[in-house]
Amino acid sequence: MNQDQIRNEVKDIISTIAPDEDLSVMTNSGVIREEVDLDSMDFLDIIMELRKRHKIEVPEEDYKYFATLDSCAEYLEPKMQNLEMKTAN
């Protein structure tokens, strides 16, 4: 997955967790929790959904990388590429 696809995947997860939120207000560099109304449980649900959909483990000390869509994409891109390589073999 490239960074644009990852941003879209994170937005898709958010739309599942918070279906009433208007995701059109989200920007790539804006703080996600300020742009859409997510509480701490919603945030954890994003992490859990990534693990469910993509088998990605995110340690608690790395939660800081989920502040913006850009930082999510930068953090997740190498993890997604590693998974793609493993599934291709």
N, C-alpha and C. Protein backbone atom coordinates (compact mmCIF):
# COMPACT_ATOMS: atom_id res chain seq x y z
N MET A 1 0.84 -1.19 0.00
CA MET A 1 0.00 0.00 0.00
C MET A 1 0.87 1.24 0.00
N ASN A 2 0.48 2.21 -0.80
CA ASN A 2 1.20 3.48 -0.75
C ASN A 2 0.54 4.40 0.29
N GLN A 3 1.13 5.57 0.50
CA GLN A 3 0.64 6.45 1.56
C GLN A 3 -0.79 6.94 1.30
N ASP A 4 -1.14 7.22 0.05
CA ASP A 4 -2.52 7.64 -0.24
C ASP A 4 -3.51 6.52 0.10
N GLN A 5 -3.17 5.31 -0.25
CA GLN A 5 -4.05 4.18 0.06
C GLN A 5 -4.18 3.98 1.57
N ILE A 6 -3.08 4.19 2.27
CA ILE A 6 -3.11 4.04 3.73
C ILE A 6 -3.99 5.13 4.35
N ARG A 7 -3.86 6.37 3.88
CA ARG A 7 -4.73 7.44 4.38
C ARG A 7 -6.20 7.09 4.16
N ASN A 8 -6.50 6.57 2.98
CA ASN A 8 -7.88 6.18 2.67
C ASN A 8 -8.34 5.02 3.56
N GLU A 9 -7.45 4.10 3.83
CA GLU A 9 -7.79 2.97 4.71
C GLU A 9 -8.09 3.47 6.12
N VAL A 10 -7.28 4.38 6.63
CA VAL A 10 -7.52 4.94 7.97
C VAL A 10 -8.85 5.68 7.99
N LYS A 11 -9.13 6.45 6.96
CA LYS A 11 -10.42 7.14 6.89
C LYS A 11 -11.58 6.15 6.81
N ASP A 12 -11.39 5.06 6.10
CA ASP A 12 -12.43 4.02 6.04
C ASP A 12 -12.67 3.42 7.41
N ILE A 13 -11.62 3.17 8.14
CA ILE A 13 -11.74 2.64 9.50
C ILE A 13 -12.48 3.65 10.39
N ILE A 14 -12.13 4.92 10.27
CA ILE A 14 -12.80 5.95 11.07
C ILE A 14 -14.28 6.01 10.71
N SER A 15 -14.60 5.88 9.43
CA SER A 15 -16.02 5.93 9.03
C SER A 15 -16.79 4.75 9.59
N THR A 16 -16.12 3.62 9.79
CA THR A 16 -16.76 2.45 10.39
C THR A 16 -16.99 2.67 11.88
N ILE A 17 -16.00 3.25 12.53
CA ILE A 17 -16.06 3.46 13.98
C ILE A 17 -16.99 4.62 14.35
N ALA A 18 -16.96 5.67 13.55
CA ALA A 18 -17.76 6.87 13.81
C ALA A 18 -18.56 7.23 12.56
N PRO A 19 -19.59 6.47 12.25
CA PRO A 19 -20.30 6.65 10.98
C PRO A 19 -20.99 8.01 10.83
N ASP A 20 -21.25 8.69 11.92
CA ASP A 20 -21.95 9.98 11.84
C ASP A 20 -21.01 11.16 11.62
N GLU A 21 -19.71 10.92 11.65
CA GLU A 21 -18.74 12.01 11.49
C GLU A 21 -18.58 12.38 10.01
N ASP A 22 -18.39 13.66 9.77
CA ASP A 22 -18.17 14.18 8.42
C ASP A 22 -16.67 14.14 8.13
N LEU A 23 -16.24 13.14 7.39
CA LEU A 23 -14.82 12.96 7.11
C LEU A 23 -14.32 13.91 6.03
N SER A 24 -15.21 14.61 5.38
CA SER A 24 -14.78 15.56 4.35
C SER A 24 -14.00 16.73 4.95
N VAL A 25 -14.12 16.94 6.25
CA VAL A 25 -13.39 18.03 6.91
C VAL A 25 -11.94 17.64 7.22
N MET A 26 -11.62 16.37 7.06
CA MET A 26 -10.28 15.90 7.41
C MET A 26 -9.25 16.34 6.37
N THR A 27 -8.10 16.77 6.88
CA THR A 27 -6.96 17.09 6.03
C THR A 27 -5.84 16.12 6.37
N ASN A 28 -4.87 16.02 5.50
CA ASN A 28 -3.78 15.08 5.74
C ASN A 28 -2.91 15.49 6.91
N SER A 29 -2.80 16.79 7.17
CA SER A 29 -1.90 17.25 8.24
C SER A 29 -2.64 17.72 9.50
N GLY A 30 -3.97 17.70 9.47
CA GLY A 30 -4.74 18.11 10.64
C GLY A 30 -4.78 17.03 11.69
N VAL A 31 -4.91 17.42 12.94
CA VAL A 31 -5.00 16.46 14.05
C VAL A 31 -6.35 15.75 13.96
N ILE A 32 -6.31 14.46 13.80
CA ILE A 32 -7.51 13.67 13.56
C ILE A 32 -8.54 13.88 14.66
N ARG A 33 -8.12 13.82 15.91
CA ARG A 33 -9.07 13.91 17.02
C ARG A 33 -9.67 15.31 17.15
N GLU A 34 -9.07 16.30 16.50
CA GLU A 34 -9.65 17.64 16.50
C GLU A 34 -10.56 17.85 15.29
N GLU A 35 -10.26 17.17 14.20
CA GLU A 35 -11.05 17.33 12.99
C GLU A 35 -12.36 16.54 13.03
N VAL A 36 -12.30 15.39 13.65
CA VAL A 36 -13.52 14.59 13.86
C VAL A 36 -13.60 14.25 15.34
N ASP A 37 -14.80 14.09 15.82
CA ASP A 37 -15.02 13.90 17.25
C ASP A 37 -14.78 12.44 17.64
N LEU A 38 -13.53 12.14 17.98
CA LEU A 38 -13.17 10.80 18.41
C LEU A 38 -12.72 10.86 19.85
N ASP A 39 -13.20 9.92 20.66
CA ASP A 39 -12.71 9.85 22.03
C ASP A 39 -11.60 8.80 22.10
N SER A 40 -11.07 8.58 23.28
CA SER A 40 -9.94 7.66 23.42
C SER A 40 -10.32 6.23 23.05
N MET A 41 -11.56 5.83 23.31
CA MET A 41 -11.98 4.48 22.92
C MET A 41 -12.07 4.35 21.40
N ASP A 42 -12.55 5.40 20.73
CA ASP A 42 -12.58 5.38 19.27
C ASP A 42 -11.16 5.24 18.72
N PHE A 43 -10.23 5.96 19.32
CA PHE A 43 -8.85 5.89 18.88
C PHE A 43 -8.31 4.46 19.02
N LEU A 44 -8.59 3.84 20.15
CA LEU A 44 -8.14 2.45 20.34
C LEU A 44 -8.82 1.51 19.35
N ASP A 45 -10.06 1.82 19.00
CA ASP A 45 -10.76 1.01 18.00
C ASP A 45 -10.06 1.09 16.64
N ILE A 46 -9.50 2.24 16.31
CA ILE A 46 -8.73 2.37 15.05
C ILE A 46 -7.55 1.40 15.07
N ILE A 47 -6.82 1.41 16.18
CA ILE A 47 -5.66 0.53 16.34
C ILE A 47 -6.09 -0.95 16.24
N MET A 48 -7.18 -1.28 16.91
CA MET A 48 -7.66 -2.66 16.90
C MET A 48 -8.12 -3.09 15.50
N GLU A 49 -8.74 -2.17 14.79
CA GLU A 49 -9.21 -2.49 13.44
C GLU A 49 -8.04 -2.69 12.48
N LEU A 50 -6.97 -1.93 12.66
CA LEU A 50 -5.76 -2.15 11.85
C LEU A 50 -5.20 -3.54 12.11
N ARG A 51 -5.22 -3.95 13.37
CA ARG A 51 -4.72 -5.29 13.69
C ARG A 51 -5.64 -6.35 13.06
N LYS A 52 -6.94 -6.13 13.14
CA LYS A 52 -7.90 -7.09 12.60
C LYS A 52 -7.78 -7.20 11.08
N ARG A 53 -7.72 -6.06 10.40
CA ARG A 53 -7.71 -6.05 8.93
C ARG A 53 -6.36 -6.42 8.34
N HIS A 54 -5.28 -5.99 8.99
CA HIS A 54 -3.96 -6.10 8.36
C HIS A 54 -2.91 -6.81 9.21
N LYS A 55 -3.31 -7.30 10.37
CA LYS A 55 -2.37 -8.03 11.26
C LYS A 55 -1.20 -7.14 11.69
N ILE A 56 -1.48 -5.84 11.86
CA ILE A 56 -0.44 -4.90 12.26
C ILE A 56 -0.55 -4.64 13.76
N GLU A 57 0.54 -4.87 14.44
CA GLU A 57 0.62 -4.58 15.87
C GLU A 57 1.19 -3.18 16.06
N VAL A 58 0.52 -2.38 16.86
CA VAL A 58 0.99 -1.03 17.14
C VAL A 58 1.19 -0.93 18.65
N PRO A 59 2.45 -0.88 19.09
CA PRO A 59 2.69 -0.75 20.53
C PRO A 59 2.22 0.61 21.04
N GLU A 60 1.85 0.65 22.30
CA GLU A 60 1.30 1.87 22.89
C GLU A 60 2.22 3.07 22.72
N GLU A 61 3.52 2.85 22.78
CA GLU A 61 4.46 3.98 22.65
C GLU A 61 4.45 4.57 21.24
N ASP A 62 3.84 3.87 20.27
CA ASP A 62 3.76 4.37 18.90
C ASP A 62 2.42 5.04 18.58
N TYR A 63 1.52 5.11 19.54
CA TYR A 63 0.22 5.75 19.30
C TYR A 63 0.38 7.20 18.86
N LYS A 64 1.47 7.82 19.26
CA LYS A 64 1.71 9.23 18.89
C LYS A 64 1.78 9.42 17.38
N TYR A 65 2.08 8.37 16.64
CA TYR A 65 2.17 8.46 15.19
C TYR A 65 0.80 8.49 14.51
N PHE A 66 -0.25 8.39 15.30
CA PHE A 66 -1.60 8.38 14.75
C PHE A 66 -2.31 9.72 14.98
N ALA A 67 -1.55 10.77 15.08
CA ALA A 67 -2.12 12.11 15.30
C ALA A 67 -2.76 12.66 14.02
N THR A 68 -2.11 12.47 12.88
CA THR A 68 -2.59 13.00 11.61
C THR A 68 -2.64 11.87 10.58
N LEU A 69 -3.34 12.10 9.50
CA LEU A 69 -3.34 11.10 8.42
C LEU A 69 -1.95 10.93 7.83
N ASP A 70 -1.22 12.04 7.70
CA ASP A 70 0.15 11.96 7.18
C ASP A 70 1.04 11.12 8.09
N SER A 71 0.97 11.36 9.39
CA SER A 71 1.84 10.60 10.29
C SER A 71 1.41 9.13 10.34
N CYS A 72 0.12 8.86 10.22
CA CYS A 72 -0.35 7.46 10.13
C CYS A 72 0.27 6.78 8.92
N ALA A 73 0.19 7.45 7.77
CA ALA A 73 0.69 6.88 6.53
C ALA A 73 2.19 6.64 6.59
N GLU A 74 2.93 7.60 7.13
CA GLU A 74 4.38 7.45 7.25
C GLU A 74 4.74 6.29 8.16
N TYR A 75 4.01 6.14 9.25
CA TYR A 75 4.28 5.06 10.20
C TYR A 75 3.88 3.70 9.62
N LEU A 76 2.74 3.65 8.97
CA LEU A 76 2.20 2.37 8.52
C LEU A 76 2.78 1.87 7.20
N GLU A 77 3.28 2.77 6.37
CA GLU A 77 3.76 2.34 5.05
C GLU A 77 4.79 1.22 5.11
N PRO A 78 5.87 1.33 5.90
CA PRO A 78 6.82 0.20 5.91
C PRO A 78 6.21 -1.08 6.49
N LYS A 79 5.31 -0.95 7.45
CA LYS A 79 4.66 -2.14 8.02
C LYS A 79 3.77 -2.82 6.97
N MET A 80 3.05 -2.01 6.19
CA MET A 80 2.19 -2.56 5.14
C MET A 80 3.04 -3.23 4.06
N GLN A 81 4.15 -2.62 3.69
CA GLN A 81 5.02 -3.19 2.67
C GLN A 81 5.61 -4.51 3.14
N ASN A 82 5.99 -4.59 4.42
CA ASN A 82 6.51 -5.85 4.96
C ASN A 82 5.46 -6.95 4.89
N LEU A 83 4.22 -6.60 5.20
CA LEU A 83 3.15 -7.59 5.12
C LEU A 83 2.91 -8.03 3.69
N GLU A 84 2.94 -7.08 2.76
CA GLU A 84 2.73 -7.43 1.36
C GLU A 84 3.83 -8.36 0.86
N MET A 85 5.06 -8.12 1.30
CA MET A 85 6.17 -8.99 0.88
C MET A 85 6.00 -10.38 1.47
N LYS A 86 5.56 -10.47 2.73
CA LYS A 86 5.37 -11.77 3.36
C LYS A 86 4.27 -12.56 2.68
N THR A 87 3.18 -11.89 2.30
CA THR A 87 2.08 -12.61 1.66
C THR A 87 2.41 -12.98 0.23
N ALA A 88 3.33 -12.26 -0.40
CA ALA A 88 3.71 -12.57 -1.79
C ALA A 88 4.61 -13.80 -1.85
N ASN A 89 5.30 -14.11 -0.76
CA ASN A 89 6.23 -15.26 -0.76
C ASN A 89 5.53 -16.55 -0.47
